[in-house]
Structure formats: structure tokens, C-alpha cells
């Protein structure tokens, strides 16, 4: 079984990177 805290940590980092990339893209477009 995969430790839940590892999955949550990875998901949090992945979502954070996606949000940061989306924010950077919107700033570049603006």
C-alpha cells in the first residue's frame, strides 16, 4: 500500500505547480 501522506504531499505539490504555471501563463498573456 502507498502511504497516504506521500500521495497527499505529491498531489499538493503537483496542484501547486499547475496553479503556478497557469498563473504565469495568464500573466504572460496579459
Protein backbone atom coordinates (compact mmCIF):
# COMPACT_ATOMS: atom_id res chain seq x y z
CA UNK A 1 0.00 0.00 0.00
CA UNK A 2 1.16 3.52 -0.75
CA UNK A 3 1.43 5.81 2.32
CA UNK A 4 -1.41 8.31 2.24
CA UNK A 5 0.73 11.24 3.37
CA UNK A 6 3.07 10.68 0.43
CA UNK A 7 0.15 10.73 -2.01
CA UNK A 8 -1.32 13.87 -0.42
CA UNK A 9 2.07 15.58 -0.41
CA UNK A 10 2.72 14.75 -4.07
CA UNK A 11 -0.80 15.85 -5.03
CA UNK A 12 -0.39 19.13 -3.18
CA UNK A 13 2.92 19.87 -4.92
CA UNK A 14 1.53 18.85 -8.32
CA UNK A 15 -1.57 21.04 -7.91
CA UNK A 16 0.59 23.92 -6.67
CA UNK A 17 2.83 23.68 -9.73
CA UNK A 18 -0.19 23.54 -12.05
CA UNK A 19 -1.72 26.62 -10.42
CA UNK A 20 1.62 28.47 -10.56
CA UNK A 21 2.08 27.59 -14.24
CA UNK A 22 -1.46 28.69 -15.05
CA UNK A 23 -0.92 31.96 -13.17
CA UNK A 24 2.37 32.60 -15.04
CA UNK A 25 0.66 31.87 -18.37
CA UNK A 26 -2.17 34.31 -17.60
CA UNK A 27 0.38 36.99 -16.65
CA UNK A 28 2.29 36.42 -19.90
CA UNK A 29 -0.94 36.64 -21.93
CA UNK A 30 -1.96 39.79 -20.07
